[in-house]
């Protein structure tokens, strides 16, 4: 990884773009503070609006980590409270009646 000041970047922009094209990341600094990164483009996926596309985009930004478990055939089931469906329904009806 290379670092370059803005003045030098302006003077030799083509050289640094070639480095980025080759896969190298160049840190751009202004008064000894890193203010930007110049590097190869990140892989862009078509965002079709699906949940997977949104999760992929968030994972690429570092906002989440995708599970290593396969998602095919996965069915989520809530933990059991030890109640029969009928008893759970009655309890919910009673709780909702207070609204």
PDB file of N, CA and C in Angstrom:
ATOM      1  N   UNK A   1       0.854  -1.162   0.000  1.00  0.00           N
ATOM      2  CA  UNK A   1       0.000   0.000   0.000  1.00  0.00           C
ATOM      3  C   UNK A   1       0.905   1.231   0.000  1.00  0.00           C
ATOM      4  N   UNK A   2       0.592   2.166  -0.883  1.00  0.00           N
ATOM      5  CA  UNK A   2       1.369   3.392  -0.986  1.00  0.00           C
ATOM      6  C   UNK A   2       0.582   4.554  -0.411  1.00  0.00           C
ATOM      7  N   UNK A   3       1.290   5.602  -0.065  1.00  0.00           N
ATOM      8  CA  UNK A   3       0.657   6.830   0.408  1.00  0.00           C
ATOM      9  C   UNK A   3       1.186   7.986  -0.428  1.00  0.00           C
ATOM     10  N   UNK A   4       0.324   8.955  -0.698  1.00  0.00           N
ATOM     11  CA  UNK A   4       0.713  10.085  -1.532  1.00  0.00           C
ATOM     12  C   UNK A   4      -0.031  11.332  -1.066  1.00  0.00           C
ATOM     13  N   UNK A   5       0.642  12.471  -1.157  1.00  0.00           N
ATOM     14  CA  UNK A   5      -0.006  13.739  -0.853  1.00  0.00           C
ATOM     15  C   UNK A   5      -0.803  14.217  -2.056  1.00  0.00           C
ATOM     16  N   UNK A   6      -1.714  15.133  -1.826  1.00  0.00           N
ATOM     17  CA  UNK A   6      -2.579  15.617  -2.904  1.00  0.00           C
ATOM     18  C   UNK A   6      -1.761  16.264  -4.020  1.00  0.00           C
ATOM     19  N   UNK A   7      -0.763  17.062  -3.671  1.00  0.00           N
ATOM     20  CA  UNK A   7       0.045  17.751  -4.678  1.00  0.00           C
ATOM     21  C   UNK A   7       0.735  16.750  -5.602  1.00  0.00           C
ATOM     22  N   UNK A   8       1.342  15.715  -5.003  1.00  0.00           N
ATOM     23  CA  UNK A   8       2.028  14.705  -5.808  1.00  0.00           C
ATOM     24  C   UNK A   8       1.016  13.885  -6.608  1.00  0.00           C
ATOM     25  N   UNK A   9      -0.147  13.607  -6.034  1.00  0.00           N
ATOM     26  CA  UNK A   9      -1.180  12.859  -6.753  1.00  0.00           C
ATOM     27  C   UNK A   9      -1.608  13.611  -8.005  1.00  0.00           C
ATOM     28  N   UNK A  10      -1.816  14.916  -7.881  1.00  0.00           N
ATOM     29  CA  UNK A  10      -2.198  15.724  -9.047  1.00  0.00           C
ATOM     30  C   UNK A  10      -1.131  15.663 -10.139  1.00  0.00           C
ATOM     31  N   UNK A  11       0.126  15.759  -9.720  1.00  0.00           N
ATOM     32  CA  UNK A  11       1.224  15.796 -10.681  1.00  0.00           C
ATOM     33  C   UNK A  11       1.439  14.455 -11.375  1.00  0.00           C
ATOM     34  N   UNK A  12       1.102  13.351 -10.698  1.00  0.00           N
ATOM     35  CA  UNK A  12       1.387  12.016 -11.251  1.00  0.00           C
ATOM     36  C   UNK A  12       0.154  11.123 -11.217  1.00  0.00           C
ATOM     37  N   UNK A  13      -0.999  11.703 -11.501  1.00  0.00           N
ATOM     38  CA  UNK A  13      -2.262  10.971 -11.396  1.00  0.00           C
ATOM     39  C   UNK A  13      -2.267   9.696 -12.232  1.00  0.00           C
ATOM     40  N   UNK A  14      -1.793   9.760 -13.467  1.00  0.00           N
ATOM     41  CA  UNK A  14      -1.807   8.569 -14.337  1.00  0.00           C
ATOM     42  C   UNK A  14      -1.047   7.406 -13.716  1.00  0.00           C
ATOM     43  N   UNK A  15       0.070   7.702 -13.082  1.00  0.00           N
ATOM     44  CA  UNK A  15       0.871   6.654 -12.439  1.00  0.00           C
ATOM     45  C   UNK A  15       0.081   5.971 -11.318  1.00  0.00           C
ATOM     46  N   UNK A  16      -0.612   6.768 -10.509  1.00  0.00           N
ATOM     47  CA  UNK A  16      -1.361   6.200  -9.392  1.00  0.00           C
ATOM     48  C   UNK A  16      -2.622   5.469  -9.861  1.00  0.00           C
ATOM     49  N   UNK A  17      -3.197   5.929 -10.951  1.00  0.00           N
ATOM     50  CA  UNK A  17      -4.342   5.203 -11.521  1.00  0.00           C
ATOM     51  C   UNK A  17      -3.881   3.849 -12.043  1.00  0.00           C
ATOM     52  N   UNK A  18      -2.689   3.801 -12.648  1.00  0.00           N
ATOM     53  CA  UNK A  18      -2.153   2.510 -13.105  1.00  0.00           C
ATOM     54  C   UNK A  18      -1.953   1.560 -11.924  1.00  0.00           C
ATOM     55  N   UNK A  19      -1.454   2.082 -10.816  1.00  0.00           N
ATOM     56  CA  UNK A  19      -1.284   1.242  -9.626  1.00  0.00           C
ATOM     57  C   UNK A  19      -2.632   0.702  -9.141  1.00  0.00           C
ATOM     58  N   UNK A  20      -3.634   1.568  -9.121  1.00  0.00           N
ATOM     59  CA  UNK A  20      -4.970   1.138  -8.688  1.00  0.00           C
ATOM     60  C   UNK A  20      -5.523   0.084  -9.632  1.00  0.00           C
ATOM     61  N   UNK A  21      -5.316   0.288 -10.919  1.00  0.00           N
ATOM     62  CA  UNK A  21      -5.794  -0.691 -11.906  1.00  0.00           C
ATOM     63  C   UNK A  21      -5.120  -2.042 -11.693  1.00  0.00           C
ATOM     64  N   UNK A  22      -3.875  -2.011 -11.235  1.00  0.00           N
ATOM     65  CA  UNK A  22      -3.126  -3.248 -10.986  1.00  0.00           C
ATOM     66  C   UNK A  22      -3.519  -3.898  -9.664  1.00  0.00           C
ATOM     67  N   UNK A  23      -4.425  -3.251  -8.911  1.00  0.00           N
ATOM     68  CA  UNK A  23      -4.916  -3.867  -7.683  1.00  0.00           C
ATOM     69  C   UNK A  23      -4.356  -3.274  -6.407  1.00  0.00           C
ATOM     70  N   UNK A  24      -3.493  -2.283  -6.536  1.00  0.00           N
ATOM     71  CA  UNK A  24      -2.891  -1.680  -5.342  1.00  0.00           C
ATOM     72  C   UNK A  24      -3.774  -0.547  -4.811  1.00  0.00           C
ATOM     73  N   UNK A  25      -3.768  -0.375  -3.508  1.00  0.00           N
ATOM     74  CA  UNK A  25      -4.503   0.720  -2.881  1.00  0.00           C
ATOM     75  C   UNK A  25      -3.521   1.833  -2.545  1.00  0.00           C
ATOM     76  N   UNK A  26      -3.904   3.053  -2.886  1.00  0.00           N
ATOM     77  CA  UNK A  26      -3.080   4.227  -2.613  1.00  0.00           C
ATOM     78  C   UNK A  26      -3.836   5.118  -1.635  1.00  0.00           C
ATOM     79  N   UNK A  27      -3.206   5.427  -0.513  1.00  0.00           N
ATOM     80  CA  UNK A  27      -3.807   6.327   0.468  1.00  0.00           C
ATOM     81  C   UNK A  27      -3.463   7.761   0.092  1.00  0.00           C
ATOM     82  N   UNK A  28      -4.464   8.617   0.049  1.00  0.00           N
ATOM     83  CA  UNK A  28      -4.272  10.021  -0.299  1.00  0.00           C
ATOM     84  C   UNK A  28      -4.343  10.835   0.987  1.00  0.00           C
ATOM     85  N   UNK A  29      -3.303  11.649   1.210  1.00  0.00           N
ATOM     86  CA  UNK A  29      -3.276  12.427   2.452  1.00  0.00           C
ATOM     87  C   UNK A  29      -3.260  13.925   2.158  1.00  0.00           C
ATOM     88  N   UNK A  30      -3.780  14.659   3.105  1.00  0.00           N
ATOM     89  CA  UNK A  30      -3.778  16.120   3.068  1.00  0.00           C
ATOM     90  C   UNK A  30      -3.263  16.588   4.423  1.00  0.00           C
ATOM     91  N   UNK A  31      -2.086  17.195   4.421  1.00  0.00           N
ATOM     92  CA  UNK A  31      -1.450  17.650   5.668  1.00  0.00           C
ATOM     93  C   UNK A  31      -1.305  16.504   6.682  1.00  0.00           C
ATOM     94  N   UNK A  32      -0.781  15.392   6.207  1.00  0.00           N
ATOM     95  CA  UNK A  32      -0.500  14.204   7.026  1.00  0.00           C
ATOM     96  C   UNK A  32      -1.742  13.508   7.575  1.00  0.00           C
ATOM     97  N   UNK A  33      -2.902  13.811   7.027  1.00  0.00           N
ATOM     98  CA  UNK A  33      -4.135  13.115   7.416  1.00  0.00           C
ATOM     99  C   UNK A  33      -4.678  12.386   6.189  1.00  0.00           C
ATOM    100  N   UNK A  34      -4.900  11.080   6.328  1.00  0.00           N
ATOM    101  CA  UNK A  34      -5.453  10.305   5.212  1.00  0.00           C
ATOM    102  C   UNK A  34      -6.900  10.736   5.000  1.00  0.00           C
ATOM    103  N   UNK A  35      -7.195  11.170   3.759  1.00  0.00           N
ATOM    104  CA  UNK A  35      -8.532  11.684   3.450  1.00  0.00           C
ATOM    105  C   UNK A  35      -9.249  10.859   2.388  1.00  0.00           C
ATOM    106  N   UNK A  36      -8.515   9.967   1.702  1.00  0.00           N
ATOM    107  CA  UNK A  36      -9.155   9.168   0.648  1.00  0.00           C
ATOM    108  C   UNK A  36      -8.299   7.947   0.344  1.00  0.00           C
ATOM    109  N   UNK A  37      -8.925   6.996  -0.338  1.00  0.00           N
ATOM    110  CA  UNK A  37      -8.226   5.819  -0.842  1.00  0.00           C
ATOM    111  C   UNK A  37      -8.490   5.719  -2.328  1.00  0.00           C
ATOM    112  N   UNK A  38      -7.455   5.424  -3.076  1.00  0.00           N
ATOM    113  CA  UNK A  38      -7.584   5.185  -4.508  1.00  0.00           C
ATOM    114  C   UNK A  38      -7.228   3.727  -4.719  1.00  0.00           C
ATOM    115  N   UNK A  39      -8.133   2.978  -5.302  1.00  0.00           N
ATOM    116  CA  UNK A  39      -7.875   1.561  -5.483  1.00  0.00           C
ATOM    117  C   UNK A  39      -8.760   0.970  -6.550  1.00  0.00           C
ATOM    118  N   UNK A  40      -8.631  -0.330  -6.762  1.00  0.00           N
ATOM    119  CA  UNK A  40      -9.454  -0.984  -7.777  1.00  0.00           C
ATOM    120  C   UNK A  40     -10.922  -0.928  -7.373  1.00  0.00           C
ATOM    121  N   UNK A  41     -11.817  -0.913  -8.346  1.00  0.00           N
ATOM    122  CA  UNK A  41     -13.242  -0.872  -8.000  1.00  0.00           C
ATOM    123  C   UNK A  41     -13.646  -2.144  -7.276  1.00  0.00           C
ATOM    124  N   UNK A  42     -14.555  -1.973  -6.341  1.00  0.00           N
ATOM    125  CA  UNK A  42     -15.104  -3.141  -5.649  1.00  0.00           C
ATOM    126  C   UNK A  42     -16.113  -3.789  -6.568  1.00  0.00           C
ATOM    127  N   UNK A  43     -16.237  -5.089  -6.436  1.00  0.00           N
ATOM    128  CA  UNK A  43     -17.183  -5.827  -7.272  1.00  0.00           C
ATOM    129  C   UNK A  43     -18.593  -5.323  -6.994  1.00  0.00           C
ATOM    130  N   UNK A  44     -19.279  -4.874  -8.027  1.00  0.00           N
ATOM    131  CA  UNK A  44     -20.642  -4.376  -7.881  1.00  0.00           C
ATOM    132  C   UNK A  44     -21.623  -5.453  -8.333  1.00  0.00           C
ATOM    133  N   UNK A  45     -22.566  -5.731  -7.490  1.00  0.00           N
ATOM    134  CA  UNK A  45     -23.612  -6.690  -7.839  1.00  0.00           C
ATOM    135  C   UNK A  45     -24.854  -5.929  -8.243  1.00  0.00           C
ATOM    136  N   UNK A  46     -25.599  -6.506  -9.139  1.00  0.00           N
ATOM    137  CA  UNK A  46     -26.869  -5.895  -9.512  1.00  0.00           C
ATOM    138  C   UNK A  46     -27.801  -5.976  -8.307  1.00  0.00           C
ATOM    139  N   UNK A  47     -28.362  -4.848  -7.945  1.00  0.00           N
ATOM    140  CA  UNK A  47     -29.272  -4.814  -6.801  1.00  0.00           C
ATOM    141  C   UNK A  47     -30.680  -5.004  -7.324  1.00  0.00           C
ATOM    142  N   UNK A  48     -31.193  -6.209  -7.145  1.00  0.00           N
ATOM    143  CA  UNK A  48     -32.538  -6.503  -7.634  1.00  0.00           C
ATOM    144  C   UNK A  48     -33.592  -6.249  -6.565  1.00  0.00           C
ATOM    145  N   UNK A  49     -33.179  -5.676  -5.441  1.00  0.00           N
ATOM    146  CA  UNK A  49     -34.129  -5.367  -4.379  1.00  0.00           C
ATOM    147  C   UNK A  49     -34.430  -6.544  -3.469  1.00  0.00           C
ATOM    148  N   UNK A  50     -33.823  -7.692  -3.726  1.00  0.00           N
ATOM    149  CA  UNK A  50     -34.091  -8.861  -2.893  1.00  0.00           C
ATOM    150  C   UNK A  50     -33.360  -8.724  -1.557  1.00  0.00           C
ATOM    151  N   UNK A  51     -33.792  -9.506  -0.612  1.00  0.00           N
ATOM    152  CA  UNK A  51     -33.151  -9.502   0.704  1.00  0.00           C
ATOM    153  C   UNK A  51     -31.684  -9.892   0.566  1.00  0.00           C
ATOM    154  N   UNK A  52     -31.396 -10.896  -0.261  1.00  0.00           N
ATOM    155  CA  UNK A  52     -30.011 -11.325  -0.441  1.00  0.00           C
ATOM    156  C   UNK A  52     -29.146 -10.205  -1.008  1.00  0.00           C
ATOM    157  N   UNK A  53     -29.684  -9.451  -1.962  1.00  0.00           N
ATOM    158  CA  UNK A  53     -28.914  -8.348  -2.547  1.00  0.00           C
ATOM    159  C   UNK A  53     -28.611  -7.284  -1.501  1.00  0.00           C
ATOM    160  N   UNK A  54     -29.585  -6.979  -0.678  1.00  0.00           N
ATOM    161  CA  UNK A  54     -29.383  -5.982   0.380  1.00  0.00           C
ATOM    162  C   UNK A  54     -28.355  -6.489   1.389  1.00  0.00           C
ATOM    163  N   UNK A  55     -28.469  -7.752   1.790  1.00  0.00           N
ATOM    164  CA  UNK A  55     -27.513  -8.326   2.745  1.00  0.00           C
ATOM    165  C   UNK A  55     -26.106  -8.361   2.157  1.00  0.00           C
ATOM    166  N   UNK A  56     -25.999  -8.698   0.871  1.00  0.00           N
ATOM    167  CA  UNK A  56     -24.689  -8.705   0.221  1.00  0.00           C
ATOM    168  C   UNK A  56     -24.071  -7.311   0.228  1.00  0.00           C
ATOM    169  N   UNK A  57     -24.876  -6.309  -0.080  1.00  0.00           N
ATOM    170  CA  UNK A  57     -24.385  -4.933  -0.100  1.00  0.00           C
ATOM    171  C   UNK A  57     -23.920  -4.504   1.301  1.00  0.00           C
ATOM    172  N   UNK A  58     -24.684  -4.862   2.327  1.00  0.00           N
ATOM    173  CA  UNK A  58     -24.293  -4.530   3.701  1.00  0.00           C
ATOM    174  C   UNK A  58     -23.018  -5.259   4.109  1.00  0.00           C
ATOM    175  N   UNK A  59     -22.886  -6.513   3.673  1.00  0.00           N
ATOM    176  CA  UNK A  59     -21.674  -7.280   3.987  1.00  0.00           C
ATOM    177  C   UNK A  59     -20.456  -6.651   3.316  1.00  0.00           C
ATOM    178  N   UNK A  60     -20.618  -6.187   2.073  1.00  0.00           N
ATOM    179  CA  UNK A  60     -19.511  -5.551   1.372  1.00  0.00           C
ATOM    180  C   UNK A  60     -19.074  -4.268   2.068  1.00  0.00           C
ATOM    181  N   UNK A  61     -20.008  -3.568   2.686  1.00  0.00           N
ATOM    182  CA  UNK A  61     -19.688  -2.331   3.403  1.00  0.00           C
ATOM    183  C   UNK A  61     -19.162  -2.612   4.805  1.00  0.00           C
ATOM    184  N   UNK A  62     -19.155  -3.894   5.220  1.00  0.00           N
ATOM    185  CA  UNK A  62     -18.657  -4.250   6.542  1.00  0.00           C
ATOM    186  C   UNK A  62     -19.669  -4.061   7.652  1.00  0.00           C
ATOM    187  N   UNK A  63     -20.936  -3.902   7.301  1.00  0.00           N
ATOM    188  CA  UNK A  63     -21.979  -3.681   8.307  1.00  0.00           C
ATOM    189  C   UNK A  63     -22.466  -4.982   8.922  1.00  0.00           C
ATOM    190  N   UNK A  64     -22.226  -6.100   8.260  1.00  0.00           N
ATOM    191  CA  UNK A  64     -22.636  -7.394   8.795  1.00  0.00           C
ATOM    192  C   UNK A  64     -21.744  -8.473   8.225  1.00  0.00           C
ATOM    193  N   UNK A  65     -21.794  -9.630   8.825  1.00  0.00           N
ATOM    194  CA  UNK A  65     -21.056 -10.791   8.343  1.00  0.00           C
ATOM    195  C   UNK A  65     -22.062 -11.857   7.974  1.00  0.00           C
ATOM    196  N   UNK A  66     -21.976 -12.343   6.739  1.00  0.00           N
ATOM    197  CA  UNK A  66     -22.910 -13.366   6.296  1.00  0.00           C
ATOM    198  C   UNK A  66     -22.583 -14.690   6.976  1.00  0.00           C
ATOM    199  N   UNK A  67     -23.603 -15.475   7.248  1.00  0.00           N
ATOM    200  CA  UNK A  67     -23.433 -16.774   7.887  1.00  0.00           C
ATOM    201  C   UNK A  67     -22.738 -17.735   6.935  1.00  0.00           C
ATOM    202  N   UNK A  68     -21.966 -18.637   7.494  1.00  0.00           N
ATOM    203  CA  UNK A  68     -21.326 -19.651   6.665  1.00  0.00           C
ATOM    204  C   UNK A  68     -22.235 -20.859   6.473  1.00  0.00           C
ATOM    205  N   UNK A  69     -23.359 -20.871   7.178  1.00  0.00           N
ATOM    206  CA  UNK A  69     -24.309 -21.979   7.029  1.00  0.00           C
ATOM    207  C   UNK A  69     -25.056 -21.856   5.701  1.00  0.00           C
ATOM    208  N   UNK A  70     -25.312 -22.972   5.070  1.00  0.00           N
ATOM    209  CA  UNK A  70     -26.101 -22.895   3.833  1.00  0.00           C
ATOM    210  C   UNK A  70     -27.533 -22.482   4.142  1.00  0.00           C
ATOM    211  N   UNK A  71     -28.101 -21.650   3.274  1.00  0.00           N
ATOM    212  CA  UNK A  71     -29.459 -21.180   3.530  1.00  0.00           C
ATOM    213  C   UNK A  71     -30.514 -22.077   2.888  1.00  0.00           C
ATOM    214  N   UNK A  72     -30.113 -22.944   1.982  1.00  0.00           N
ATOM    215  CA  UNK A  72     -31.072 -23.839   1.349  1.00  0.00           C
ATOM    216  C   UNK A  72     -31.644 -24.809   2.373  1.00  0.00           C
ATOM    217  N   UNK A  73     -32.926 -24.914   2.419  1.00  0.00           N
ATOM    218  CA  UNK A  73     -33.578 -25.853   3.313  1.00  0.00           C
ATOM    219  C   UNK A  73     -33.661 -25.393   4.753  1.00  0.00           C
ATOM    220  N   UNK A  74     -33.165 -24.201   5.036  1.00  0.00           N
ATOM    221  CA  UNK A  74     -33.203 -23.703   6.405  1.00  0.00           C
ATOM    222  C   UNK A  74     -34.600 -23.192   6.717  1.00  0.00           C
ATOM    223  N   UNK A  75     -35.144 -23.631   7.825  1.00  0.00           N
ATOM    224  CA  UNK A  75     -36.459 -23.174   8.270  1.00  0.00           C
ATOM    225  C   UNK A  75     -36.307 -22.682   9.698  1.00  0.00           C
ATOM    226  N   UNK A  76     -36.686 -21.438   9.926  1.00  0.00           N
ATOM    227  CA  UNK A  76     -36.592 -20.876  11.265  1.00  0.00           C
ATOM    228  C   UNK A  76     -37.812 -21.289  12.059  1.00  0.00           C
ATOM    229  N   UNK A  77     -37.582 -21.717  13.268  1.00  0.00           N
ATOM    230  CA  UNK A  77     -38.709 -22.026  14.143  1.00  0.00           C
ATOM    231  C   UNK A  77     -38.426 -21.383  15.494  1.00  0.00           C
ATOM    232  N   UNK A  78     -39.398 -20.681  16.033  1.00  0.00           N
ATOM    233  CA  UNK A  78     -39.182 -20.014  17.314  1.00  0.00           C
ATOM    234  C   UNK A  78     -39.024 -21.034  18.430  1.00  0.00           C
ATOM    235  N   UNK A  79     -38.349 -20.654  19.493  1.00  0.00           N
ATOM    236  CA  UNK A  79     -38.206 -21.588  20.611  1.00  0.00           C
ATOM    237  C   UNK A  79     -39.564 -21.893  21.227  1.00  0.00           C
ATOM    238  N   UNK A  80     -39.713 -23.108  21.669  1.00  0.00           N
ATOM    239  CA  UNK A  80     -40.981 -23.540  22.255  1.00  0.00           C
ATOM    240  C   UNK A  80     -41.139 -22.986  23.665  1.00  0.00           C
ATOM    241  N   UNK A  81     -42.361 -22.570  23.985  1.00  0.00           N
ATOM    242  CA  UNK A  81     -42.660 -22.108  25.340  1.00  0.00           C
ATOM    243  C   UNK A  81     -43.294 -23.213  26.173  1.00  0.00           C
ATOM    244  N   UNK A  82     -43.449 -24.378  25.574  1.00  0.00           N
ATOM    245  CA  UNK A  82     -44.048 -25.491  26.295  1.00  0.00           C
ATOM    246  C   UNK A  82     -45.566 -25.427  26.334  1.00  0.00           C
ATOM    247  N   UNK A  83     -46.170 -24.615  25.474  1.00  0.00           N
ATOM    248  CA  UNK A  83     -47.632 -24.505  25.430  1.00  0.00           C
ATOM    249  C   UNK A  83     -48.161 -25.172  24.172  1.00  0.00           C
ATOM    250  N   UNK A  84     -49.344 -25.721  24.281  1.00  0.00           N
ATOM    251  CA  UNK A  84     -49.993 -26.253  23.084  1.00  0.00           C
ATOM    252  C   UNK A  84     -50.431 -25.062  22.233  1.00  0.00           C
ATOM    253  N   UNK A  85     -50.649 -25.252  20.933  1.00  0.00           N
ATOM    254  CA  UNK A  85     -51.124 -24.153  20.087  1.00  0.00           C
ATOM    255  C   UNK A  85     -52.419 -23.530  20.615  1.00  0.00           C
ATOM    256  N   UNK A  86     -53.302 -24.370  21.161  1.00  0.00           N
ATOM    257  CA  UNK A  86     -54.569 -23.856  21.689  1.00  0.00           C
ATOM    258  C   UNK A  86     -54.329 -22.959  22.901  1.00  0.00           C
ATOM    259  N   UNK A  87     -53.481 -23.429  23.831  1.00  0.00           N
ATOM    260  CA  UNK A  87     -53.190 -22.647  25.035  1.00  0.00           C
ATOM    261  C   UNK A  87     -52.484 -21.341  24.673  1.00  0.00           C
ATOM    262  N   UNK A  88     -51.575 -21.392  23.699  1.00  0.00           N
ATOM    263  CA  UNK A  88     -50.882 -20.181  23.269  1.00  0.00           C
ATOM    264  C   UNK A  88     -51.866 -19.199  22.653  1.00  0.00           C
ATOM    265  N   UNK A  89     -52.814 -19.708  21.847  1.00  0.00           N
ATOM    266  CA  UNK A  89     -53.833 -18.849  21.244  1.00  0.00           C
ATOM    267  C   UNK A  89     -54.705 -18.176  22.289  1.00  0.00           C
ATOM    268  N   UNK A  90     -55.106 -18.948  23.307  1.00  0.00           N
ATOM    269  CA  UNK A  90     -55.927 -18.379  24.384  1.00  0.00           C
ATOM    270  C   UNK A  90     -55.159 -17.302  25.154  1.00  0.00           C
ATOM    271  N   UNK A  91     -53.890 -17.566  25.411  1.00  0.00           N
ATOM    272  CA  UNK A  91     -53.065 -16.597  26.127  1.00  0.00           C
ATOM    273  C   UNK A  91     -52.919 -15.303  25.321  1.00  0.00           C
ATOM    274  N   UNK A  92     -52.681 -15.442  24.027  1.00  0.00           N
ATOM    275  CA  UNK A  92     -52.571 -14.255  23.175  1.00  0.00           C
ATOM    276  C   UNK A  92     -53.878 -13.477  23.136  1.00  0.00           C
ATOM    277  N   UNK A  93     -54.988 -14.193  23.017  1.00  0.00           N
ATOM    278  CA  UNK A  93     -56.294 -13.525  22.987  1.00  0.00           C
ATOM    279  C   UNK A  93     -56.529 -12.754  24.283  1.00  0.00           C
ATOM    280  N   UNK A  94     -56.148 -13.356  25.390  1.00  0.00           N
ATOM    281  CA  UNK A  94     -56.321 -12.690  26.681  1.00  0.00           C
ATOM    282  C   UNK A  94     -55.451 -11.433  26.770  1.00  0.00           C
ATOM    283  N   UNK A  95     -54.193 -11.558  26.325  1.00  0.00           N
ATOM    284  CA  UNK A  95     -53.298 -10.405  26.359  1.00  0.00           C
ATOM    285  C   UNK A  95     -53.778  -9.295  25.427  1.00  0.00           C
ATOM    286  N   UNK A  96     -54.249  -9.653  24.262  1.00  0.00           N
ATOM    287  CA  UNK A  96     -54.726  -8.661  23.299  1.00  0.00           C
ATOM    288  C   UNK A  96     -56.039  -8.024  23.727  1.00  0.00           C
ATOM    289  N   UNK A  97     -56.783  -8.703  24.560  1.00  0.00           N
ATOM    290  CA  UNK A  97     -58.054  -8.158  25.030  1.00  0.00           C
ATOM    291  C   UNK A  97     -57.873  -6.932  25.897  1.00  0.00           C
ATOM    292  N   UNK A  98     -56.678  -6.760  26.441  1.00  0.00           N
ATOM    293  CA  UNK A  98     -56.410  -5.604  27.298  1.00  0.00           C
ATOM    294  C   UNK A  98     -56.097  -4.344  26.501  1.00  0.00           C
ATOM    295  N   UNK A  99     -56.032  -4.432  25.218  1.00  0.00           N
ATOM    296  CA  UNK A  99     -55.666  -3.264  24.393  1.00  0.00           C
ATOM    297  C   UNK A  99     -56.824  -2.362  24.150  1.00  0.00           C
TER     298      UNK A  99
END
